[in-house]
Amino acid sequence: MTSQRSYVRSDVTFGSGDPSCAAWLYRPDGVANPPIVVLAHGFAAFRELRLDAYAARFAQAGYAAFVFDYRHWGASEGMPRRILDIGKQQADWAAALAYVRSLDGIDTRRVVAWGSSFGGGHVLKLAARDTGLAAAIIQVPHVSGPASAFSQSPALVARLILGGIRDQVRAWTGRAPYRMAAVGRPGDIAMMTSPGAYELVERMGDMREELLAENDVAARIALRVPLYSPGRYARDVSAPVLVQLAAKDDVTPIEKAQAVARRIPNGEVHTYDIGHFEPYLDPYFDTIVAEQIDFLDRHLGDPR
């Protein structure tokens, strides 16, 4: 069990293009120049959906943590709201890392990128390019566009693509986005409809209406997900990588994820008998985050 240090959380912003992105900076008490873990969420998600729980555990274990919202999401700037732009999110990652590397009182030689789901895909690609990362953690990562996009029924895939075309035309003609639900129940028209997913996201948001009201995304992303396969960069990652997979994952199919994980030269793979959204919540969260902290201690040196 990790020690329970106290910590201070501060609200900060950093620039990424014209907008500024909102972030929480966690500094553990009593640790001089701690390593820092930079965290961002997955598909159509934002900080309040349990990333604070991970960051708090890292800070209690002696690590600094930096949790940010992508532009267009959560507390970050960017209009229209809830546009998922892959290239912009990757630029936000680069800007976040540049910001934490400029901080005083942080060991900038020991910077870790942490991403979950779609954000895990961003981190995989980032780790192949940013050789300055000390380590990376990717949880239930998006690795293959075709595997994820076509894991749902053909009828739903067709509806999502038609929605994506409609939204793209609206974008080209300067109109407001056409939106679709990000997470729904089986039978709903939503980007993710695996059994139990909606209820688990409700739990992640602590049933807060203001968070659940933002469960939509500009539909154009449905045209882009099939083309985004960050798993192709796996062989180029030199840093140690902890890969945590869900055996019952029907958002990122487990067979494809395992195949990609095996290609990471310095990868460490843990597989759990759970679904895609369960790592964030009890009874699995404690095990998941404890193994992340153990991985950090082994590869970065115990900061305590």
C-alpha atoms as a PDB file:
ATOM      1  CA  MET A   1       0.000   0.000   0.000  1.00  0.00           C
ATOM      2  CA  THR A   2       1.377   3.421  -0.945  1.00  0.00           C
ATOM      3  CA  SER A   3       1.987   6.073   1.701  1.00  0.00           C
ATOM      4  CA  GLN A   4      -0.693   8.712   2.065  1.00  0.00           C
ATOM      5  CA  ARG A   5       1.116  12.007   1.662  1.00  0.00           C
ATOM      6  CA  SER A   6      -0.801  15.251   1.713  1.00  0.00           C
ATOM      7  CA  TYR A   7      -0.716  17.381  -1.415  1.00  0.00           C
ATOM      8  CA  VAL A   8      -1.807  20.733  -2.832  1.00  0.00           C
ATOM      9  CA  ARG A   9      -3.953  20.992  -5.970  1.00  0.00           C
ATOM     10  CA  SER A  10      -3.834  24.220  -7.985  1.00  0.00           C
ATOM     11  CA  ASP A  11      -5.847  25.387 -10.983  1.00  0.00           C
ATOM     12  CA  VAL A  12      -3.594  26.415 -13.869  1.00  0.00           C
ATOM     13  CA  THR A  13      -3.924  27.156 -17.587  1.00  0.00           C
ATOM     14  CA  PHE A  14      -1.554  26.743 -20.496  1.00  0.00           C
ATOM     15  CA  GLY A  15      -1.723  27.854 -24.101  1.00  0.00           C
ATOM     16  CA  SER A  16      -2.262  25.435 -26.966  1.00  0.00           C
ATOM     17  CA  GLY A  17      -2.762  27.366 -30.165  1.00  0.00           C
ATOM     18  CA  ASP A  18      -5.127  30.291 -29.583  1.00  0.00           C
ATOM     19  CA  PRO A  19      -7.210  28.694 -26.804  1.00  0.00           C
ATOM     20  CA  SER A  20      -5.972  28.029 -23.316  1.00  0.00           C
ATOM     21  CA  CYS A  21      -6.387  24.626 -21.724  1.00  0.00           C
ATOM     22  CA  ALA A  22      -7.414  24.156 -18.103  1.00  0.00           C
ATOM     23  CA  ALA A  23      -5.454  21.860 -15.813  1.00  0.00           C
ATOM     24  CA  TRP A  24      -5.028  20.765 -12.224  1.00  0.00           C
ATOM     25  CA  LEU A  25      -1.478  20.668 -10.864  1.00  0.00           C
ATOM     26  CA  TYR A  26      -0.912  18.354  -7.889  1.00  0.00           C
ATOM     27  CA  ARG A  27       2.233  18.823  -5.796  1.00  0.00           C
ATOM     28  CA  PRO A  28       2.979  16.308  -3.025  1.00  0.00           C
ATOM     29  CA  ASP A  29       4.073  17.754   0.296  1.00  0.00           C
ATOM     30  CA  GLY A  30       7.586  17.040   1.489  1.00  0.00           C
ATOM     31  CA  VAL A  31       9.048  15.839  -1.834  1.00  0.00           C
ATOM     32  CA  ALA A  32      11.746  17.961  -3.454  1.00  0.00           C
ATOM     33  CA  ASN A  33      11.648  17.933  -7.261  1.00  0.00           C
ATOM     34  CA  PRO A  34       9.243  14.998  -7.703  1.00  0.00           C
ATOM     35  CA  PRO A  35       8.660  13.262 -11.030  1.00  0.00           C
ATOM     36  CA  ILE A  36       5.431  14.292 -12.723  1.00  0.00           C
ATOM     37  CA  VAL A  37       2.647  12.285 -14.364  1.00  0.00           C
ATOM     38  CA  VAL A  38       0.673  14.095 -17.085  1.00  0.00           C
ATOM     39  CA  LEU A  39      -2.867  12.767 -17.536  1.00  0.00           C
ATOM     40  CA  ALA A  40      -5.639  13.313 -20.074  1.00  0.00           C
ATOM     41  CA  HIS A  41      -8.857  11.436 -20.736  1.00  0.00           C
ATOM     42  CA  GLY A  42     -10.352   9.420 -23.544  1.00  0.00           C
ATOM     43  CA  PHE A  43     -13.100   9.799 -26.120  1.00  0.00           C
ATOM     44  CA  ALA A  44     -15.406  12.763 -25.368  1.00  0.00           C
ATOM     45  CA  ALA A  45     -14.387  12.804 -21.692  1.00  0.00           C
ATOM     46  CA  PHE A  46     -13.039  15.398 -19.291  1.00  0.00           C
ATOM     47  CA  ARG A  47     -11.148  15.648 -16.014  1.00  0.00           C
ATOM     48  CA  GLU A  48     -14.043  15.240 -13.605  1.00  0.00           C
ATOM     49  CA  LEU A  49     -14.708  11.727 -14.876  1.00  0.00           C
ATOM     50  CA  ARG A  50     -12.362  10.164 -12.306  1.00  0.00           C
ATOM     51  CA  LEU A  51      -8.994  11.492 -13.458  1.00  0.00           C
ATOM     52  CA  ASP A  52      -8.817  13.377 -10.174  1.00  0.00           C
ATOM     53  CA  ALA A  53      -8.916  10.014  -8.396  1.00  0.00           C
ATOM     54  CA  TYR A  54      -5.789   8.814 -10.234  1.00  0.00           C
ATOM     55  CA  ALA A  55      -3.941  12.099  -9.759  1.00  0.00           C
ATOM     56  CA  ALA A  56      -4.686  12.150  -6.033  1.00  0.00           C
ATOM     57  CA  ARG A  57      -3.251   8.645  -5.640  1.00  0.00           C
ATOM     58  CA  PHE A  58      -0.100   9.638  -7.523  1.00  0.00           C
ATOM     59  CA  ALA A  59       0.332  12.720  -5.322  1.00  0.00           C
ATOM     60  CA  GLN A  60      -0.213  10.667  -2.156  1.00  0.00           C
ATOM     61  CA  ALA A  61       2.539   8.354  -3.393  1.00  0.00           C
ATOM     62  CA  GLY A  62       4.974  11.257  -3.835  1.00  0.00           C
ATOM     63  CA  TYR A  63       4.516  12.070  -7.521  1.00  0.00           C
ATOM     64  CA  ALA A  64       3.403  15.382  -8.940  1.00  0.00           C
ATOM     65  CA  ALA A  65       0.480  15.127 -11.347  1.00  0.00           C
ATOM     66  CA  PHE A  66      -0.908  17.360 -14.084  1.00  0.00           C
ATOM     67  CA  VAL A  67      -4.441  16.696 -15.350  1.00  0.00           C
ATOM     68  CA  PHE A  68      -5.735  18.675 -18.320  1.00  0.00           C
ATOM     69  CA  ASP A  69      -8.825  19.038 -20.471  1.00  0.00           C
ATOM     70  CA  TYR A  70      -8.431  19.125 -24.234  1.00  0.00           C
ATOM     71  CA  ARG A  71      -9.484  22.305 -25.987  1.00  0.00           C
ATOM     72  CA  HIS A  72     -13.249  22.378 -26.701  1.00  0.00           C
ATOM     73  CA  TRP A  73     -13.854  20.199 -23.607  1.00  0.00           C
ATOM     74  CA  GLY A  74     -14.523  20.674 -19.920  1.00  0.00           C
ATOM     75  CA  ALA A  75     -13.038  23.857 -18.467  1.00  0.00           C
ATOM     76  CA  SER A  76     -10.732  24.502 -21.428  1.00  0.00           C
ATOM     77  CA  GLU A  77     -11.445  27.129 -24.055  1.00  0.00           C
ATOM     78  CA  GLY A  78     -12.348  26.470 -27.676  1.00  0.00           C
ATOM     79  CA  MET A  79     -15.478  26.981 -29.714  1.00  0.00           C
ATOM     80  CA  PRO A  80     -17.688  25.304 -30.759  1.00  0.00           C
ATOM     81  CA  ARG A  81     -17.897  23.101 -27.678  1.00  0.00           C
ATOM     82  CA  ARG A  82     -17.311  19.348 -27.674  1.00  0.00           C
ATOM     83  CA  ILE A  83     -15.465  19.068 -30.980  1.00  0.00           C
ATOM     84  CA  LEU A  84     -13.128  16.065 -30.958  1.00  0.00           C
ATOM     85  CA  ASP A  85     -10.252  16.983 -33.249  1.00  0.00           C
ATOM     86  CA  ILE A  86      -7.485  14.363 -33.190  1.00  0.00           C
ATOM     87  CA  GLY A  87      -4.754  16.683 -34.443  1.00  0.00           C
ATOM     88  CA  LYS A  88      -5.655  19.404 -31.950  1.00  0.00           C
ATOM     89  CA  GLN A  89      -5.711  16.926 -29.080  1.00  0.00           C
ATOM     90  CA  GLN A  90      -2.238  15.736 -30.038  1.00  0.00           C
ATOM     91  CA  ALA A  91      -1.104  19.384 -30.102  1.00  0.00           C
ATOM     92  CA  ASP A  92      -2.624  19.850 -26.638  1.00  0.00           C
ATOM     93  CA  TRP A  93      -0.533  16.933 -25.401  1.00  0.00           C
ATOM     94  CA  ALA A  94       2.631  18.540 -26.792  1.00  0.00           C
ATOM     95  CA  ALA A  95       1.711  21.881 -25.192  1.00  0.00           C
ATOM     96  CA  ALA A  96       0.961  20.240 -21.823  1.00  0.00           C
ATOM     97  CA  LEU A  97       4.328  18.491 -21.793  1.00  0.00           C
ATOM     98  CA  ALA A  98       6.119  21.706 -22.749  1.00  0.00           C
ATOM     99  CA  TYR A  99       4.351  23.478 -19.878  1.00  0.00           C
ATOM    100  CA  VAL A 100       5.249  20.926 -17.192  1.00  0.00           C
ATOM    101  CA  ARG A 101       8.844  20.891 -18.422  1.00  0.00           C
ATOM    102  CA  SER A 102       8.963  24.624 -17.686  1.00  0.00           C
ATOM    103  CA  LEU A 103       7.831  24.257 -14.058  1.00  0.00           C
ATOM    104  CA  ASP A 104      10.071  24.928 -11.098  1.00  0.00           C
ATOM    105  CA  GLY A 105      10.294  22.320  -8.365  1.00  0.00           C
ATOM    106  CA  ILE A 106       9.657  19.396 -10.735  1.00  0.00           C
ATOM    107  CA  ASP A 107      12.166  16.813 -11.963  1.00  0.00           C
ATOM    108  CA  THR A 108      11.663  17.442 -15.657  1.00  0.00           C
ATOM    109  CA  ARG A 109      13.919  14.506 -16.537  1.00  0.00           C
ATOM    110  CA  ARG A 110      11.230  12.208 -15.123  1.00  0.00           C
ATOM    111  CA  VAL A 111       8.047  13.114 -17.001  1.00  0.00           C
ATOM    112  CA  VAL A 112       5.443  10.387 -17.564  1.00  0.00           C
ATOM    113  CA  ALA A 113       2.524  10.488 -20.021  1.00  0.00           C
ATOM    114  CA  TRP A 114      -0.680   8.752 -18.874  1.00  0.00           C
ATOM    115  CA  GLY A 115      -3.604   8.190 -21.220  1.00  0.00           C
ATOM    116  CA  SER A 116      -6.794   6.158 -21.083  1.00  0.00           C
ATOM    117  CA  SER A 117      -8.897   4.828 -23.976  1.00  0.00           C
ATOM    118  CA  PHE A 118      -8.670   7.323 -26.873  1.00  0.00           C
ATOM    119  CA  GLY A 119      -6.122   9.267 -24.821  1.00  0.00           C
ATOM    120  CA  GLY A 120      -4.104   6.064 -24.491  1.00  0.00           C
ATOM    121  CA  GLY A 121      -3.832   6.040 -28.267  1.00  0.00           C
ATOM    122  CA  HIS A 122      -2.581   9.628 -28.207  1.00  0.00           C
ATOM    123  CA  VAL A 123       0.049   8.694 -25.612  1.00  0.00           C
ATOM    124  CA  LEU A 124       1.203   5.684 -27.630  1.00  0.00           C
ATOM    125  CA  LYS A 125       1.818   7.867 -30.665  1.00  0.00           C
ATOM    126  CA  LEU A 126       3.351  10.603 -28.516  1.00  0.00           C
ATOM    127  CA  ALA A 127       5.753   8.182 -26.817  1.00  0.00           C
ATOM    128  CA  ALA A 128       7.056   7.114 -30.214  1.00  0.00           C
ATOM    129  CA  ARG A 129       7.994  10.713 -31.000  1.00  0.00           C
ATOM    130  CA  ASP A 130       8.933  12.265 -27.648  1.00  0.00           C
ATOM    131  CA  THR A 131      12.122  10.494 -26.638  1.00  0.00           C
ATOM    132  CA  GLY A 132      12.349  12.634 -23.507  1.00  0.00           C
ATOM    133  CA  LEU A 133       9.559  10.778 -21.733  1.00  0.00           C
ATOM    134  CA  ALA A 134      10.746   8.713 -18.798  1.00  0.00           C
ATOM    135  CA  ALA A 135       7.809   6.295 -19.085  1.00  0.00           C
ATOM    136  CA  ALA A 136       4.216   5.990 -20.281  1.00  0.00           C
ATOM    137  CA  ILE A 137       1.036   4.383 -18.971  1.00  0.00           C
ATOM    138  CA  ILE A 138      -1.751   3.463 -21.381  1.00  0.00           C
ATOM    139  CA  GLN A 139      -4.988   2.117 -19.955  1.00  0.00           C
ATOM    140  CA  VAL A 140      -7.516   0.302 -22.206  1.00  0.00           C
ATOM    141  CA  PRO A 141      -5.924   2.160 -25.159  1.00  0.00           C
ATOM    142  CA  HIS A 142      -7.428   2.854 -28.552  1.00  0.00           C
ATOM    143  CA  VAL A 143      -4.970   1.202 -30.949  1.00  0.00           C
ATOM    144  CA  SER A 144      -6.840   0.414 -34.193  1.00  0.00           C
ATOM    145  CA  GLY A 145      -9.337   2.645 -35.953  1.00  0.00           C
ATOM    146  CA  PRO A 146     -11.010  -0.082 -38.000  1.00  0.00           C
ATOM    147  CA  ALA A 147     -11.189  -2.494 -35.048  1.00  0.00           C
ATOM    148  CA  SER A 148     -12.881   0.088 -32.805  1.00  0.00           C
ATOM    149  CA  ALA A 149     -15.083   1.739 -35.427  1.00  0.00           C
ATOM    150  CA  PHE A 150     -16.512  -1.504 -36.774  1.00  0.00           C
ATOM    151  CA  SER A 151     -16.892  -3.363 -33.483  1.00  0.00           C
ATOM    152  CA  GLN A 152     -20.553  -2.270 -33.351  1.00  0.00           C
ATOM    153  CA  SER A 153     -23.473  -3.468 -35.455  1.00  0.00           C
ATOM    154  CA  PRO A 154     -23.441  -2.576 -39.170  1.00  0.00           C
ATOM    155  CA  ALA A 155     -26.726  -0.696 -38.757  1.00  0.00           C
ATOM    156  CA  LEU A 156     -25.301   1.501 -35.998  1.00  0.00           C
ATOM    157  CA  VAL A 157     -22.052   2.057 -37.905  1.00  0.00           C
ATOM    158  CA  ALA A 158     -24.092   3.231 -40.896  1.00  0.00           C
ATOM    159  CA  ARG A 159     -26.070   5.671 -38.725  1.00  0.00           C
ATOM    160  CA  LEU A 160     -22.869   7.049 -37.210  1.00  0.00           C
ATOM    161  CA  ILE A 161     -21.272   7.554 -40.607  1.00  0.00           C
ATOM    162  CA  LEU A 162     -24.378   9.310 -41.935  1.00  0.00           C
ATOM    163  CA  GLY A 163     -24.347  11.537 -38.860  1.00  0.00           C
ATOM    164  CA  GLY A 164     -20.675  12.240 -39.438  1.00  0.00           C
ATOM    165  CA  ILE A 165     -21.311  13.280 -43.036  1.00  0.00           C
ATOM    166  CA  ARG A 166     -24.165  15.534 -41.946  1.00  0.00           C
ATOM    167  CA  ASP A 167     -21.969  17.219 -39.354  1.00  0.00           C
ATOM    168  CA  GLN A 168     -19.038  17.606 -41.744  1.00  0.00           C
ATOM    169  CA  VAL A 169     -21.257  19.344 -44.292  1.00  0.00           C
ATOM    170  CA  ARG A 170     -22.486  21.683 -41.545  1.00  0.00           C
ATOM    171  CA  ALA A 171     -18.871  22.440 -40.614  1.00  0.00           C
ATOM    172  CA  TRP A 172     -17.971  23.224 -44.222  1.00  0.00           C
ATOM    173  CA  THR A 173     -20.925  25.605 -44.503  1.00  0.00           C
ATOM    174  CA  GLY A 174     -20.279  27.387 -41.199  1.00  0.00           C
ATOM    175  CA  ARG A 175     -23.267  26.002 -39.296  1.00  0.00           C
ATOM    176  CA  ALA A 176     -23.469  24.675 -35.754  1.00  0.00           C
ATOM    177  CA  PRO A 177     -22.340  21.072 -35.247  1.00  0.00           C
ATOM    178  CA  TYR A 178     -24.681  18.153 -35.600  1.00  0.00           C
ATOM    179  CA  ARG A 179     -24.170  16.210 -32.393  1.00  0.00           C
ATOM    180  CA  MET A 180     -24.621  12.607 -31.389  1.00  0.00           C
ATOM    181  CA  ALA A 181     -24.449  10.957 -27.976  1.00  0.00           C
ATOM    182  CA  ALA A 182     -20.970   9.827 -26.964  1.00  0.00           C
ATOM    183  CA  VAL A 183     -22.112   6.971 -24.709  1.00  0.00           C
ATOM    184  CA  GLY A 184     -25.502   5.265 -24.760  1.00  0.00           C
ATOM    185  CA  ARG A 185     -27.285   2.076 -23.885  1.00  0.00           C
ATOM    186  CA  PRO A 186     -27.560  -0.895 -26.276  1.00  0.00           C
ATOM    187  CA  GLY A 187     -29.957   0.065 -29.053  1.00  0.00           C
ATOM    188  CA  ASP A 188     -29.282   3.805 -28.712  1.00  0.00           C
ATOM    189  CA  ILE A 189     -27.721   5.881 -31.482  1.00  0.00           C
ATOM    190  CA  ALA A 190     -24.417   6.690 -29.786  1.00  0.00           C
ATOM    191  CA  MET A 191     -20.704   6.357 -30.436  1.00  0.00           C
ATOM    192  CA  MET A 192     -20.308   3.716 -27.703  1.00  0.00           C
ATOM    193  CA  THR A 193     -23.193   1.437 -26.722  1.00  0.00           C
ATOM    194  CA  SER A 194     -21.668  -1.552 -24.946  1.00  0.00           C
ATOM    195  CA  PRO A 195     -23.865  -3.101 -22.213  1.00  0.00           C
ATOM    196  CA  GLY A 196     -23.488  -1.246 -18.943  1.00  0.00           C
ATOM    197  CA  ALA A 197     -21.351   1.551 -20.424  1.00  0.00           C
ATOM    198  CA  TYR A 198     -23.846   4.338 -19.807  1.00  0.00           C
ATOM    199  CA  GLU A 199     -24.413   3.305 -16.209  1.00  0.00           C
ATOM    200  CA  LEU A 200     -20.668   3.128 -15.547  1.00  0.00           C
ATOM    201  CA  VAL A 201     -20.155   6.616 -16.994  1.00  0.00           C
ATOM    202  CA  GLU A 202     -22.951   7.822 -14.721  1.00  0.00           C
ATOM    203  CA  ARG A 203     -20.969   6.445 -11.791  1.00  0.00           C
ATOM    204  CA  MET A 204     -17.761   8.039 -13.075  1.00  0.00           C
ATOM    205  CA  GLY A 205     -19.544  11.401 -13.094  1.00  0.00           C
ATOM    206  CA  ASP A 206     -21.037  10.747  -9.656  1.00  0.00           C
ATOM    207  CA  MET A 207     -24.496  11.130 -11.241  1.00  0.00           C
ATOM    208  CA  ARG A 208     -23.947  14.905 -11.593  1.00  0.00           C
ATOM    209  CA  GLU A 209     -26.449  16.322 -14.080  1.00  0.00           C
ATOM    210  CA  GLU A 210     -24.113  19.053 -15.310  1.00  0.00           C
ATOM    211  CA  LEU A 211     -21.599  16.403 -16.378  1.00  0.00           C
ATOM    212  CA  LEU A 212     -24.115  14.012 -17.904  1.00  0.00           C
ATOM    213  CA  ALA A 213     -25.577  16.902 -19.925  1.00  0.00           C
ATOM    214  CA  GLU A 214     -22.305  17.062 -21.880  1.00  0.00           C
ATOM    215  CA  ASN A 215     -22.575  13.484 -23.157  1.00  0.00           C
ATOM    216  CA  ASP A 216     -22.432  14.394 -26.835  1.00  0.00           C
ATOM    217  CA  VAL A 217     -19.844  15.080 -29.499  1.00  0.00           C
ATOM    218  CA  ALA A 218     -19.767  16.651 -32.957  1.00  0.00           C
ATOM    219  CA  ALA A 219     -20.575  13.682 -35.182  1.00  0.00           C
ATOM    220  CA  ARG A 220     -17.745  14.304 -37.686  1.00  0.00           C
ATOM    221  CA  ILE A 221     -15.432  12.246 -35.472  1.00  0.00           C
ATOM    222  CA  ALA A 222     -17.228   9.120 -36.725  1.00  0.00           C
ATOM    223  CA  LEU A 223     -15.524   9.726 -40.089  1.00  0.00           C
ATOM    224  CA  ARG A 224     -12.088  10.003 -38.504  1.00  0.00           C
ATOM    225  CA  VAL A 225     -11.948   7.205 -35.944  1.00  0.00           C
ATOM    226  CA  PRO A 226     -11.611   4.477 -38.633  1.00  0.00           C
ATOM    227  CA  LEU A 227      -8.504   6.252 -39.949  1.00  0.00           C
ATOM    228  CA  TYR A 228      -6.753   6.663 -36.589  1.00  0.00           C
ATOM    229  CA  SER A 229      -4.592   3.671 -35.631  1.00  0.00           C
ATOM    230  CA  PRO A 230      -1.867   4.733 -33.187  1.00  0.00           C
ATOM    231  CA  GLY A 231      -0.919   1.092 -32.659  1.00  0.00           C
ATOM    232  CA  ARG A 232       1.194   1.334 -35.794  1.00  0.00           C
ATOM    233  CA  TYR A 233       3.731   3.355 -33.766  1.00  0.00           C
ATOM    234  CA  ALA A 234       4.220   0.695 -31.079  1.00  0.00           C
ATOM    235  CA  ARG A 235       7.597  -0.549 -32.342  1.00  0.00           C
ATOM    236  CA  ASP A 236       9.016   2.997 -32.226  1.00  0.00           C
ATOM    237  CA  VAL A 237       8.477   3.521 -28.481  1.00  0.00           C
ATOM    238  CA  SER A 238      11.703   3.285 -26.487  1.00  0.00           C
ATOM    239  CA  ALA A 239      10.470   4.298 -23.015  1.00  0.00           C
ATOM    240  CA  PRO A 240       9.064   1.754 -20.553  1.00  0.00           C
ATOM    241  CA  VAL A 241       5.306   1.436 -21.091  1.00  0.00           C
ATOM    242  CA  LEU A 242       2.698  -0.060 -18.780  1.00  0.00           C
ATOM    243  CA  VAL A 243      -0.207  -1.365 -20.871  1.00  0.00           C
ATOM    244  CA  GLN A 244      -3.372  -2.238 -18.952  1.00  0.00           C
ATOM    245  CA  LEU A 245      -5.987  -4.116 -20.963  1.00  0.00           C
ATOM    246  CA  ALA A 246      -9.554  -5.247 -20.294  1.00  0.00           C
ATOM    247  CA  ALA A 247     -10.323  -8.803 -21.400  1.00  0.00           C
ATOM    248  CA  LYS A 248     -14.032  -7.958 -21.852  1.00  0.00           C
ATOM    249  CA  ASP A 249     -13.347  -4.746 -23.766  1.00  0.00           C
ATOM    250  CA  ASP A 250     -15.784  -4.247 -26.647  1.00  0.00           C
ATOM    251  CA  VAL A 251     -14.655  -0.679 -27.366  1.00  0.00           C
ATOM    252  CA  THR A 252     -11.023  -1.618 -28.010  1.00  0.00           C
ATOM    253  CA  PRO A 253     -11.136  -5.321 -28.975  1.00  0.00           C
ATOM    254  CA  ILE A 254      -8.748  -7.251 -26.753  1.00  0.00           C
ATOM    255  CA  GLU A 255      -7.098  -9.340 -29.478  1.00  0.00           C
ATOM    256  CA  LYS A 256      -5.998  -6.260 -31.415  1.00  0.00           C
ATOM    257  CA  ALA A 257      -4.847  -4.498 -28.241  1.00  0.00           C
ATOM    258  CA  GLN A 258      -2.776  -7.506 -27.164  1.00  0.00           C
ATOM    259  CA  ALA A 259      -1.145  -7.756 -30.581  1.00  0.00           C
ATOM    260  CA  VAL A 260      -0.135  -4.092 -30.452  1.00  0.00           C
ATOM    261  CA  ALA A 261       1.092  -4.347 -26.853  1.00  0.00           C
ATOM    262  CA  ARG A 262       3.415  -7.203 -27.792  1.00  0.00           C
ATOM    263  CA  ARG A 263       5.130  -4.933 -30.319  1.00  0.00           C
ATOM    264  CA  ILE A 264       6.185  -2.341 -27.718  1.00  0.00           C
ATOM    265  CA  PRO A 265       9.910  -3.056 -27.125  1.00  0.00           C
ATOM    266  CA  ASN A 266       9.889  -2.191 -23.410  1.00  0.00           C
ATOM    267  CA  GLY A 267       6.234  -2.891 -22.704  1.00  0.00           C
ATOM    268  CA  GLU A 268       4.744  -4.468 -19.606  1.00  0.00           C
ATOM    269  CA  VAL A 269       1.243  -5.828 -20.183  1.00  0.00           C
ATOM    270  CA  HIS A 270      -1.390  -6.505 -17.516  1.00  0.00           C
ATOM    271  CA  THR A 271      -4.793  -7.885 -18.495  1.00  0.00           C
ATOM    272  CA  TYR A 272      -7.846  -7.824 -16.224  1.00  0.00           C
ATOM    273  CA  ASP A 273     -11.139  -9.695 -16.504  1.00  0.00           C
ATOM    274  CA  ILE A 274     -13.173  -6.500 -16.814  1.00  0.00           C
ATOM    275  CA  GLY A 275     -14.839  -4.225 -19.379  1.00  0.00           C
ATOM    276  CA  HIS A 276     -13.638  -0.990 -20.956  1.00  0.00           C
ATOM    277  CA  PHE A 277     -15.071   1.436 -18.374  1.00  0.00           C
ATOM    278  CA  GLU A 278     -14.409  -0.560 -15.218  1.00  0.00           C
ATOM    279  CA  PRO A 279     -10.771   0.425 -14.441  1.00  0.00           C
ATOM    280  CA  TYR A 280     -11.965   3.817 -13.181  1.00  0.00           C
ATOM    281  CA  LEU A 281     -14.307   2.421 -10.538  1.00  0.00           C
ATOM    282  CA  ASP A 282     -14.501   0.122  -7.532  1.00  0.00           C
ATOM    283  CA  PRO A 283     -13.825  -2.718  -7.051  1.00  0.00           C
ATOM    284  CA  TYR A 284     -11.060  -2.578  -9.704  1.00  0.00           C
ATOM    285  CA  PHE A 285      -9.674   0.948  -9.341  1.00  0.00           C
ATOM    286  CA  ASP A 286      -7.464   0.210  -6.324  1.00  0.00           C
ATOM    287  CA  THR A 287      -5.702  -2.647  -8.108  1.00  0.00           C
ATOM    288  CA  ILE A 288      -5.293  -0.705 -11.350  1.00  0.00           C
ATOM    289  CA  VAL A 289      -3.797   2.408  -9.767  1.00  0.00           C
ATOM    290  CA  ALA A 290      -1.619   0.439  -7.317  1.00  0.00           C
ATOM    291  CA  GLU A 291       0.010  -1.363 -10.229  1.00  0.00           C
ATOM    292  CA  GLN A 292       0.559   1.976 -11.963  1.00  0.00           C
ATOM    293  CA  ILE A 293       2.340   3.337  -8.888  1.00  0.00           C
ATOM    294  CA  ASP A 294       4.422   0.159  -8.589  1.00  0.00           C
ATOM    295  CA  PHE A 295       5.425   0.568 -12.247  1.00  0.00           C
ATOM    296  CA  LEU A 296       6.448   4.185 -11.625  1.00  0.00           C
ATOM    297  CA  ASP A 297       8.446   3.268  -8.531  1.00  0.00           C
ATOM    298  CA  ARG A 298      10.345   0.585 -10.415  1.00  0.00           C
ATOM    299  CA  HIS A 299      11.176   2.683 -13.468  1.00  0.00           C
ATOM    300  CA  LEU A 300      11.567   6.168 -12.015  1.00  0.00           C
ATOM    301  CA  GLY A 301      12.824   5.411  -8.537  1.00  0.00           C
ATOM    302  CA  ASP A 302      10.655   5.741  -5.458  1.00  0.00           C
ATOM    303  CA  PRO A 303      10.144   9.521  -4.995  1.00  0.00           C
ATOM    304  CA  ARG A 304       9.449   9.201  -1.287  1.00  0.00           C
END
